[in-house]
C-alpha cells in the first residue's frame, strides 16, 4: 500500500508543477495532497516536500493559517491575465471566453480572499 500512496503523491507533485504554469490547474491543493500521501508512504519524501525551498513554505502557510503569500497571489493573477489575453488573441468563441472568464474570476476571487501568508 505504501507504493500506492507514494505514486499518488508523485502524481500530485507532477500536477502541481504543471499548475505553476497552467492557471486553471491549482498548485497548492495538489501539494497538500502530495504531503498527505507522502505522510502515509515515505517519511523521506514527506520531509523532502515540507523542506522544499519553494513548495514547503506554501504548504506551511496553508496548514498554519489557510493563507497564500502576496507574491503567489500576484503571480497567479499575472499568469491568469496572460492566459486570458492569449485566448482573446487566438480568437476563441465568445462562449469559451465567457466560460473561461467565469472560471478564472472564481479562481482569482478565492485566491485574493485568502489571508496573506
Protein backbone atom coordinates (compact mmCIF):
# COMPACT_ATOMS: atom_id res chain seq x y z
CA UNK A 1 0.00 0.00 0.00
CA UNK A 2 2.95 2.34 0.60
CA UNK A 3 3.75 2.25 -3.11
CA UNK A 4 0.22 3.34 -3.99
CA UNK A 5 0.39 6.31 -1.59
CA UNK A 6 3.85 7.27 -2.89
CA UNK A 7 2.70 7.02 -6.51
CA UNK A 8 -0.33 9.20 -5.78
CA UNK A 9 1.97 11.72 -4.09
CA UNK A 10 4.29 11.83 -7.09
CA UNK A 11 1.34 12.29 -9.44
CA UNK A 12 0.17 15.21 -7.28
CA UNK A 13 3.67 16.75 -7.41
CA UNK A 14 3.62 16.49 -11.22
CA UNK A 15 0.17 18.10 -11.37
CA UNK A 16 1.30 20.87 -9.00
CA UNK A 17 4.30 21.60 -11.21
CA UNK A 18 2.04 21.78 -14.27
CA UNK A 19 -0.24 24.06 -12.25
CA UNK A 20 2.61 26.51 -11.77
CA UNK A 21 2.35 27.43 -15.47
CA UNK A 22 -1.29 26.49 -16.18
CA UNK A 23 -3.66 28.82 -14.30
CA UNK A 24 -6.69 26.52 -14.39
CA UNK A 25 -4.78 23.80 -12.54
CA UNK A 26 -4.22 24.74 -8.91
CA UNK A 27 -0.79 24.22 -7.35
CA UNK A 28 -1.29 24.34 -3.59
CA UNK A 29 -4.14 21.78 -3.35
CA UNK A 30 -2.00 19.24 -5.19
CA UNK A 31 0.93 20.00 -2.90
CA UNK A 32 -1.30 19.48 0.13
CA UNK A 33 -2.50 16.17 -1.29
CA UNK A 34 1.08 15.14 -2.01
CA UNK A 35 2.04 15.92 1.60
CA UNK A 36 -0.91 13.79 2.77
CA UNK A 37 0.08 10.85 0.54
CA UNK A 38 3.78 11.10 1.42
CA UNK A 39 2.98 11.18 5.15
CA UNK A 40 1.40 7.76 4.66
CA UNK A 41 4.07 6.29 2.42
CA UNK A 42 7.53 7.74 2.85
CA UNK A 43 8.98 9.89 5.60
CA UNK A 44 11.85 10.74 3.24
CA UNK A 45 9.52 12.13 0.54
CA UNK A 46 7.35 13.87 3.14
CA UNK A 47 10.38 15.57 4.68
CA UNK A 48 11.67 16.49 1.22
CA UNK A 49 8.37 18.14 0.31
CA UNK A 50 7.98 20.05 3.57
CA UNK A 51 11.58 21.27 3.44
CA UNK A 52 11.50 22.10 -0.29
CA UNK A 53 12.67 25.66 -0.85
CA UNK A 54 9.60 26.71 -2.86
CA UNK A 55 6.87 24.21 -2.03
CA UNK A 56 7.49 23.85 1.71
CA UNK A 57 6.60 27.42 2.71
CA UNK A 58 3.34 27.31 0.70
CA UNK A 59 2.28 24.12 2.47
CA UNK A 60 3.29 25.51 5.84
CA UNK A 61 1.38 28.79 5.26
CA UNK A 62 -1.74 26.89 4.27
CA UNK A 63 -1.52 24.40 7.14
CA UNK A 64 -0.97 27.09 9.76
CA UNK A 65 -3.41 29.78 8.66
CA UNK A 66 -5.03 28.98 5.31
CA UNK A 67 -3.02 31.81 3.81
CA UNK A 68 -1.39 32.48 0.44
CA UNK A 69 1.65 34.73 0.09
CA UNK A 70 1.14 38.03 -1.78
CA UNK A 71 3.84 37.14 -4.31
CA UNK A 72 1.97 33.91 -5.14
CA UNK A 73 -1.27 35.86 -5.46
CA UNK A 74 0.36 38.33 -7.85
CA UNK A 75 1.99 35.55 -9.90
CA UNK A 76 -1.34 33.75 -10.20
CA UNK A 77 -3.07 36.97 -11.28
CA UNK A 78 -0.45 37.72 -13.94
CA UNK A 79 -0.50 34.19 -15.33
CA UNK A 80 -4.30 34.18 -15.46
CA UNK A 81 -4.30 37.54 -17.27
CA UNK A 82 -1.71 36.28 -19.77
CA UNK A 83 -3.67 33.11 -20.50
CA UNK A 84 -6.94 35.01 -20.90
CA UNK A 85 -5.22 37.56 -23.15
CA UNK A 86 -3.78 34.75 -25.25
CA UNK A 87 -7.23 33.21 -25.56
CA UNK A 88 -8.58 36.56 -26.75
CA UNK A 89 -5.77 36.99 -29.29
CA UNK A 90 -6.32 33.46 -30.67
CA UNK A 91 -9.94 34.36 -31.38
CA UNK A 92 -11.76 31.74 -29.34
CA UNK A 93 -15.55 31.85 -29.44
CA UNK A 94 -17.50 34.13 -27.13
CA UNK A 95 -18.91 31.10 -25.33
CA UNK A 96 -15.43 29.78 -24.50
CA UNK A 97 -14.32 33.25 -23.39
CA UNK A 98 -17.33 33.60 -21.06
CA UNK A 99 -16.78 30.18 -19.51
CA UNK A 100 -13.08 30.90 -19.09
CA UNK A 101 -13.77 34.35 -17.63
CA UNK A 102 -16.20 32.88 -15.09
CA UNK A 103 -13.82 30.10 -14.04
CA UNK A 104 -10.79 32.39 -13.83
CA UNK A 105 -12.76 35.01 -11.91
CA UNK A 106 -13.78 32.36 -9.37
CA UNK A 107 -10.16 31.27 -9.01
CA UNK A 108 -8.97 34.85 -8.53
CA UNK A 109 -11.74 35.55 -6.02
CA UNK A 110 -10.72 32.51 -3.98
CA UNK A 111 -7.01 33.42 -4.12
CA UNK A 112 -7.45 37.08 -3.19
CA UNK A 113 -9.88 36.39 -0.34
CA UNK A 114 -7.37 34.14 1.46
CA UNK A 115 -5.29 35.81 4.17
CA UNK A 116 -1.76 36.89 3.25
CA UNK A 117 0.96 34.46 4.28
